[in-house]
Amino acid sequence: MAIETFSFCPRVNPEGAFTQRTRSIQFGDGYTQRAGDGINSESQGWPLTFVGDHVHIQPIIAFLRRHNGYTAFQWVNPLTELGLYCCPDGFNVTALGKNSRGDQVFQLTATFVTAYHP
C-alpha cells in the first residue's frame, strides 16, 4: 500500500514541539554523562487547526479516519521538512455556527506526531 500525503492547509502559526529523548547517569563526583536514547531520539508534535465549511472539513476527517491514528502518512511541516507523521490522539471537531451564506462552519484540531515507520 502506498503512503498517502496529507496536503490540506492548516491555519497560520502552528507551534511545533521538538522533544529529544536522552539518557543520563549522575556520578558521585558531580559529572553527568548524557547520550541520545535510540536511533530516533527526536520527535515532533504539531498541533494544527483547520476551519471551513462541511465541504472543506469532510475530506480532512475522511483522511484522518482512514489512517486510524496509527498509520503513517507523509506531510510537509511548516519548516518545509517532508516526514512521516501520524495522529495518535485523534481529532476534535467543533461547530462554530453559520457563515454569511448560511453554511455551517467547523473547526477541526489535531496533533501530528513524528512516525518512524509506515
Protein backbone atom coordinates (compact mmCIF):
# COMPACT_ATOMS: atom_id res chain seq x y z
CA MET A 1 0.00 0.00 0.00
CA ALA A 2 1.33 3.42 -0.97
CA ILE A 3 1.90 6.03 1.71
CA GLU A 4 -0.60 8.87 1.34
CA THR A 5 0.34 12.54 1.56
CA PHE A 6 -1.60 14.95 3.76
CA SER A 7 -1.92 18.09 1.63
CA PHE A 8 -4.58 20.16 3.44
CA CYS A 9 -3.54 23.62 4.60
CA PRO A 10 -3.89 24.38 8.35
CA ARG A 11 -4.47 27.79 9.91
CA VAL A 12 -1.44 30.01 10.23
CA ASN A 13 1.08 29.99 13.08
CA PRO A 14 1.20 26.35 14.18
CA GLU A 15 3.69 25.85 17.01
CA GLY A 16 5.78 22.69 16.81
CA ALA A 17 7.23 20.98 19.87
CA PHE A 18 10.54 19.19 19.41
CA THR A 19 11.47 16.62 22.04
CA GLN A 20 14.84 14.88 22.34
CA ARG A 21 14.91 11.67 24.35
CA THR A 22 18.10 11.28 26.32
CA ARG A 23 19.54 9.00 28.94
CA SER A 24 21.80 10.29 31.67
CA ILE A 25 23.72 8.97 34.60
CA GLN A 26 24.98 11.02 37.51
CA PHE A 27 28.34 10.05 39.02
CA GLY A 28 29.42 10.70 42.59
CA ASP A 29 31.92 13.39 41.63
CA GLY A 30 29.21 15.57 40.07
CA TYR A 31 29.87 14.50 36.48
CA THR A 32 26.80 13.66 34.38
CA GLN A 33 27.07 11.61 31.22
CA ARG A 34 24.31 12.04 28.61
CA ALA A 35 23.50 10.20 25.40
CA GLY A 36 20.67 10.01 22.91
CA ASP A 37 18.07 7.31 23.59
CA GLY A 38 17.85 5.18 20.44
CA ILE A 39 18.39 5.95 16.79
CA ASN A 40 15.25 8.11 16.59
CA SER A 41 15.73 10.20 19.70
CA GLU A 42 13.96 13.32 18.39
CA SER A 43 10.23 13.60 17.88
CA GLN A 44 7.99 16.41 16.75
CA GLY A 45 4.44 17.33 17.66
CA TRP A 46 2.44 19.82 15.60
CA PRO A 47 -0.98 20.93 16.92
CA LEU A 48 -2.94 22.02 13.85
CA THR A 49 -6.25 23.79 13.31
CA PHE A 50 -8.44 23.71 10.21
CA VAL A 51 -11.51 25.92 9.75
CA GLY A 52 -14.08 25.69 7.00
CA ASP A 53 -17.47 24.52 5.89
CA HIS A 54 -18.54 20.89 5.56
CA VAL A 55 -17.09 20.64 2.03
CA HIS A 56 -13.66 21.72 3.31
CA ILE A 57 -13.58 19.77 6.60
CA GLN A 58 -15.11 16.46 5.48
CA PRO A 59 -12.11 15.33 3.33
CA ILE A 60 -9.76 16.03 6.28
CA ILE A 61 -11.96 13.94 8.59
CA ALA A 62 -12.05 11.14 5.99
CA PHE A 63 -8.24 11.21 5.66
CA LEU A 64 -7.66 11.06 9.43
CA ARG A 65 -10.26 8.29 9.90
CA ARG A 66 -8.68 6.28 7.10
CA HIS A 67 -5.34 6.37 8.97
CA ASN A 68 -6.92 5.36 12.31
CA GLY A 69 -4.41 7.26 14.44
CA TYR A 70 -1.59 4.78 13.83
CA THR A 71 -0.98 4.52 10.08
CA ALA A 72 1.72 6.95 9.00
CA PHE A 73 1.32 9.48 6.22
CA GLN A 74 3.62 11.98 4.59
CA TRP A 75 3.31 15.63 5.50
CA VAL A 76 5.44 18.71 4.90
CA ASN A 77 5.66 20.52 8.24
CA PRO A 78 5.80 24.34 8.48
CA LEU A 79 9.62 24.15 8.37
CA THR A 80 9.19 22.62 4.87
CA GLU A 81 10.57 19.25 6.04
CA LEU A 82 8.89 16.22 4.49
CA GLY A 83 8.40 13.46 7.05
CA LEU A 84 6.22 10.64 8.28
CA TYR A 85 3.55 11.57 10.81
CA CYS A 86 0.51 10.07 12.47
CA CYS A 87 -2.36 11.47 14.54
CA PRO A 88 -2.37 9.13 17.57
CA ASP A 89 -4.62 11.17 19.85
CA GLY A 90 -7.49 11.54 17.40
CA PHE A 91 -9.01 14.85 16.44
CA ASN A 92 -11.73 17.23 17.62
CA VAL A 93 -14.41 18.92 15.55
CA THR A 94 -16.28 21.99 16.82
CA ALA A 95 -19.33 23.51 15.14
CA LEU A 96 -18.73 27.26 15.11
CA GLY A 97 -22.04 28.47 13.74
CA LYS A 98 -23.03 29.67 10.31
CA ASN A 99 -21.24 31.99 7.94
CA SER A 100 -22.83 34.85 5.94
CA ARG A 101 -24.04 32.39 3.28
CA GLY A 102 -25.78 30.26 5.89
CA ASP A 103 -23.26 27.38 5.68
CA GLN A 104 -22.27 25.64 8.90
CA VAL A 105 -18.61 26.34 9.77
CA PHE A 106 -16.43 23.84 11.64
CA GLN A 107 -13.08 23.87 13.40
CA LEU A 108 -11.00 20.69 13.37
CA THR A 109 -7.99 20.35 15.68
CA ALA A 110 -5.44 17.54 15.53
CA THR A 111 -1.85 16.99 16.61
CA PHE A 112 0.54 15.36 14.17
CA VAL A 113 3.37 13.40 15.77
CA THR A 114 6.52 12.04 14.15
CA ALA A 115 6.24 8.43 12.96
CA TYR A 116 9.30 6.35 12.15
CA HIS A 117 7.69 3.67 10.02
CA PRO A 118 4.75 3.43 7.61
